[in-house]
N, C-alpha and C. Protein backbone atom coordinates (compact mmCIF):
# COMPACT_ATOMS: atom_id res chain seq x y z
N MET A 1 1.01 2.54 -32.80
CA MET A 1 0.59 2.85 -31.04
C MET A 1 0.55 1.63 -30.54
N THR A 2 0.57 1.36 -28.99
CA THR A 2 0.70 0.23 -28.69
C THR A 2 -0.15 0.28 -27.41
N THR A 3 -0.90 -0.49 -26.95
CA THR A 3 -1.62 -0.31 -26.10
C THR A 3 -0.99 -1.57 -24.60
N VAL A 4 -1.29 -1.31 -23.29
CA VAL A 4 -0.69 -1.77 -23.02
C VAL A 4 -1.43 -2.06 -21.03
N LYS A 5 -2.11 -3.43 -21.47
CA LYS A 5 -2.55 -3.62 -20.00
C LYS A 5 -2.06 -3.50 -18.82
N ILE A 6 -2.49 -3.32 -17.56
CA ILE A 6 -1.41 -3.46 -16.30
C ILE A 6 -2.88 -3.89 -15.78
N ARG A 7 -2.51 -4.89 -14.62
CA ARG A 7 -3.66 -5.51 -14.21
C ARG A 7 -3.03 -5.74 -12.30
N LEU A 8 -3.29 -4.95 -11.61
CA LEU A 8 -3.26 -4.68 -10.05
C LEU A 8 -4.48 -5.37 -9.26
N GLU A 9 -4.66 -6.43 -8.72
CA GLU A 9 -5.20 -7.06 -8.20
C GLU A 9 -5.13 -6.43 -6.15
N GLY A 10 -6.85 -6.36 -6.43
CA GLY A 10 -7.03 -5.83 -4.68
C GLY A 10 -7.10 -4.50 -5.06
N THR A 11 -6.45 -3.80 -6.67
CA THR A 11 -6.79 -1.99 -6.75
C THR A 11 -7.65 -1.83 -6.89
N ASN A 12 -8.82 -1.35 -6.75
CA ASN A 12 -10.13 -1.62 -7.14
C ASN A 12 -9.77 -0.66 -8.49
N HIS A 13 -9.45 0.42 -8.01
CA HIS A 13 -9.92 1.96 -9.27
C HIS A 13 -8.50 2.04 -10.46
N ILE A 14 -7.83 0.93 -10.75
CA ILE A 14 -6.96 0.51 -11.30
C ILE A 14 -6.59 -0.30 -12.01
N GLU A 15 -8.09 -1.15 -11.40
CA GLU A 15 -7.48 -2.89 -11.81
C GLU A 15 -8.13 -2.78 -13.14
N ASP A 16 -7.53 -3.48 -14.26
CA ASP A 16 -8.16 -3.57 -15.62
C ASP A 16 -7.53 -2.24 -16.68
N ALA A 17 -6.70 -1.37 -15.55
CA ALA A 17 -6.58 -0.17 -16.48
C ALA A 17 -6.07 -0.30 -17.82
N ALA A 18 -6.28 0.35 -18.86
CA ALA A 18 -5.40 0.18 -20.20
C ALA A 18 -4.69 1.44 -20.29
N PHE A 19 -3.46 1.34 -20.53
CA PHE A 19 -3.17 2.86 -21.24
C PHE A 19 -1.84 2.96 -22.66
N THR A 20 -1.95 3.83 -22.95
CA THR A 20 -1.40 3.72 -24.52
C THR A 20 -0.11 4.05 -23.98
N ILE A 21 1.05 3.98 -24.65
CA ILE A 21 2.29 4.14 -24.83
C ILE A 21 2.78 4.24 -26.41
N ASP A 22 2.88 5.47 -26.03
CA ASP A 22 3.11 6.34 -27.69
C ASP A 22 4.75 6.56 -27.58
N GLN A 23 4.69 6.08 -28.60
CA GLN A 23 6.79 6.20 -29.13
C GLN A 23 7.22 5.95 -27.48
N GLY A 24 7.38 4.56 -26.82
CA GLY A 24 8.18 5.04 -25.80
C GLY A 24 8.11 5.71 -24.69
N MET A 25 7.03 6.72 -24.80
CA MET A 25 6.81 8.14 -23.67
C MET A 25 5.05 7.34 -23.22
N VAL A 26 5.41 7.58 -21.84
CA VAL A 26 3.88 6.94 -20.78
C VAL A 26 3.52 8.65 -20.45
N PRO A 27 1.96 8.35 -20.57
CA PRO A 27 1.45 9.83 -20.22
C PRO A 27 1.78 9.85 -18.87
N LYS A 28 1.46 11.42 -18.57
CA LYS A 28 2.02 11.36 -16.88
C LYS A 28 1.08 11.16 -16.29
N GLU A 29 0.22 11.47 -16.76
CA GLU A 29 -1.25 10.85 -16.27
C GLU A 29 -1.32 10.05 -15.95
N ALA A 30 -1.31 8.92 -16.81
CA ALA A 30 -1.22 7.38 -16.26
C ALA A 30 0.06 7.17 -15.21
N LEU A 31 1.10 7.54 -15.50
CA LEU A 31 2.00 7.50 -14.07
C LEU A 31 1.32 7.57 -13.21
N GLU A 32 0.92 8.51 -12.66
CA GLU A 32 0.37 9.17 -11.39
C GLU A 32 -0.73 7.84 -11.10
N ARG A 33 -1.50 7.97 -12.29
CA ARG A 33 -2.79 7.24 -11.89
C ARG A 33 -1.78 5.74 -11.42
N ILE A 34 -1.07 5.32 -11.79
CA ILE A 34 -0.15 4.36 -11.25
C ILE A 34 0.15 4.09 -10.32
N GLY A 35 1.00 5.30 -10.23
CA GLY A 35 1.80 5.80 -8.65
C GLY A 35 0.43 5.81 -7.39
N ALA A 36 -0.31 6.05 -7.35
CA ALA A 36 -1.75 6.88 -6.71
C ALA A 36 -2.39 4.98 -6.32
N GLY A 37 -2.32 4.29 -6.89
CA GLY A 37 -2.70 3.01 -6.61
C GLY A 37 -1.85 2.21 -5.91
N LEU A 38 -0.39 2.01 -6.54
CA LEU A 38 0.14 1.49 -5.52
C LEU A 38 0.08 2.74 -4.30
N VAL A 39 0.69 3.27 -4.26
CA VAL A 39 0.65 3.81 -2.82
C VAL A 39 -0.75 3.41 -1.84
N LYS A 40 -1.59 3.65 -2.37
CA LYS A 40 -3.03 2.85 -1.65
C LYS A 40 -2.67 1.55 -1.15
N ARG A 41 -2.28 0.84 -2.61
CA ARG A 41 -2.43 -0.90 -1.82
C ARG A 41 -1.13 -0.74 -1.05
N ILE A 42 -0.31 0.02 -1.32
CA ILE A 42 1.04 -0.33 0.15
C ILE A 42 0.32 -0.15 0.98
N LYS A 43 -0.16 1.19 1.70
CA LYS A 43 -1.40 2.09 2.91
C LYS A 43 -1.74 0.11 3.10
N GLU A 44 -2.87 0.13 2.00
CA GLU A 44 -4.26 -1.18 2.35
C GLU A 44 -3.24 -2.37 3.59
N ARG A 45 -2.36 -3.07 2.21
CA ARG A 45 -1.30 -3.97 2.95
C ARG A 45 -1.29 -3.45 3.86
N THR A 46 -0.37 -2.69 4.61
CA THR A 46 0.44 -2.56 5.56
C THR A 46 -0.09 -2.32 6.60
N ARG A 47 -1.76 -1.47 6.92
CA ARG A 47 -1.98 -0.94 7.75
C ARG A 47 -3.49 -2.29 8.23
N SER A 48 -3.19 -4.02 7.16
CA SER A 48 -3.78 -4.85 7.71
C SER A 48 -2.84 -5.81 8.18
N GLY A 49 -1.65 -5.23 8.39
CA GLY A 49 -0.35 -5.98 9.10
C GLY A 49 0.23 -6.92 8.44
N ALA A 50 0.29 -6.87 7.18
CA ALA A 50 1.21 -7.18 6.05
C ALA A 50 2.27 -6.88 5.31
N ASP A 51 3.30 -7.87 5.43
CA ASP A 51 4.47 -7.42 5.18
C ASP A 51 4.49 -7.58 3.25
N VAL A 52 5.42 -7.18 2.79
CA VAL A 52 5.39 -6.95 1.41
C VAL A 52 4.97 -8.43 0.26
N ASP A 53 5.84 -9.12 1.41
CA ASP A 53 5.16 -10.73 0.68
C ASP A 53 4.06 -11.53 1.46
N GLY A 54 3.35 -10.33 1.57
CA GLY A 54 1.51 -10.87 2.35
C GLY A 54 1.53 -11.63 3.77
N GLN A 55 2.86 -11.67 4.35
CA GLN A 55 3.21 -12.49 5.68
C GLN A 55 2.93 -11.50 6.69
N ALA A 56 1.85 -11.75 7.88
CA ALA A 56 2.35 -11.08 8.68
C ALA A 56 3.43 -10.25 9.77
N PHE A 57 3.19 -9.15 9.79
CA PHE A 57 4.41 -8.67 10.54
C PHE A 57 4.54 -9.19 11.79
N GLU A 58 6.26 -9.37 12.40
CA GLU A 58 6.46 -10.23 13.37
C GLU A 58 5.54 -9.69 14.72
N PRO A 59 5.51 -9.85 15.86
CA PRO A 59 4.33 -9.73 17.09
C PRO A 59 5.68 -8.56 17.52
N TYR A 60 4.65 -7.38 18.01
CA TYR A 60 5.65 -6.42 18.98
C TYR A 60 6.22 -7.37 20.33
N SER A 61 7.53 -6.92 20.81
CA SER A 61 7.65 -7.13 21.78
C SER A 61 6.79 -7.44 23.13
N LYS A 62 6.74 -8.19 24.20
CA LYS A 62 6.19 -8.08 25.29
C LYS A 62 6.34 -6.60 25.61
N ASP A 63 7.08 -5.83 25.82
CA ASP A 63 6.49 -4.87 27.34
C ASP A 63 6.35 -3.87 25.90
N TYR A 64 6.67 -3.90 24.84
CA TYR A 64 6.05 -2.76 23.53
C TYR A 64 4.82 -3.13 23.68
N GLY A 65 4.03 -4.46 23.26
CA GLY A 65 2.97 -4.93 23.37
C GLY A 65 2.59 -4.22 24.47
N LYS A 66 2.63 -4.39 25.61
CA LYS A 66 2.04 -3.70 26.56
C LYS A 66 1.71 -2.64 27.04
N LYS A 67 2.76 -1.39 26.11
CA LYS A 67 2.51 0.01 26.05
C LYS A 67 2.01 0.22 25.31
N ARG A 68 1.72 -0.24 24.42
CA ARG A 68 0.39 -0.30 23.09
C ARG A 68 -1.01 -0.20 23.93
N LYS A 69 -0.84 -1.62 24.75
CA LYS A 69 -2.45 -1.28 25.18
C LYS A 69 -2.61 -0.10 25.93
N LYS A 70 -1.94 -0.28 26.46
CA LYS A 70 -1.88 0.76 27.70
C LYS A 70 -2.38 2.40 27.65
N GLU A 71 -1.98 2.53 26.52
CA GLU A 71 -2.43 3.67 25.38
C GLU A 71 -3.47 3.55 24.33
N ASN A 72 -3.84 2.27 24.89
CA ASN A 72 -5.65 2.14 23.50
C ASN A 72 -4.96 2.05 22.02
N LYS A 73 -3.70 1.56 22.11
CA LYS A 73 -3.78 1.14 20.77
C LYS A 73 -3.53 0.01 20.02
N PRO A 74 -3.96 -0.56 18.94
CA PRO A 74 -3.83 -1.89 18.46
C PRO A 74 -2.24 -2.49 19.19
N THR A 75 -2.50 -3.87 19.46
CA THR A 75 -1.52 -4.44 20.03
C THR A 75 -0.94 -6.12 18.63
N THR A 76 -1.23 -5.32 17.87
CA THR A 76 -1.40 -6.22 16.31
C THR A 76 -0.35 -5.14 15.46
N PRO A 77 0.67 -5.40 15.09
CA PRO A 77 1.54 -5.03 14.06
C PRO A 77 1.39 -4.81 13.17
N ASP A 78 1.12 -3.10 12.98
CA ASP A 78 0.75 -2.54 11.46
C ASP A 78 1.65 -1.25 10.64
N LEU A 79 2.54 -1.17 11.77
CA LEU A 79 3.74 0.18 11.65
C LEU A 79 2.58 1.37 11.84
N THR A 80 1.59 1.07 12.85
CA THR A 80 1.58 2.98 12.86
C THR A 80 1.41 3.16 14.49
N TYR A 81 1.94 4.56 14.73
CA TYR A 81 1.49 4.90 15.99
C TYR A 81 0.48 5.81 16.45
N THR A 82 1.40 6.82 15.06
CA THR A 82 0.49 8.01 15.39
C THR A 82 0.02 8.60 13.42
N GLY A 83 -0.16 7.33 12.50
CA GLY A 83 0.23 7.56 11.51
C GLY A 83 0.44 8.10 10.49
N ALA A 84 1.32 8.95 11.21
CA ALA A 84 2.15 9.97 9.91
C ALA A 84 2.94 9.67 9.34
N MET A 85 3.36 8.08 9.85
CA MET A 85 4.36 7.29 8.37
C MET A 85 3.66 7.33 7.55
N LEU A 86 2.34 6.54 7.35
CA LEU A 86 1.58 6.06 6.15
C LEU A 86 1.29 6.97 5.36
N ASN A 87 0.97 7.85 6.43
CA ASN A 87 0.60 9.33 5.79
C ASN A 87 1.19 10.47 5.46
N SER A 88 2.83 10.03 5.52
CA SER A 88 3.57 11.42 4.52
C SER A 88 3.56 11.23 2.84
């Protein structure tokens, strides 16, 4: 039996999690837990306005920024408008 430790910084619920790999098969439960943690991390990063490299998204165009402000929506890019995309 082989034990593999996976550490994903910034994702508390799977940080320091250890998963057992038996004969090359990863338990479905472990994969679901890893997947859920990664989805959470991506959503948190995106909502904070950061891209995959941790860099801020490009600013909205002047006109689009005005439209969002008029609609009482955040003017800092976070890839949300209705929330449907990140909640899907």
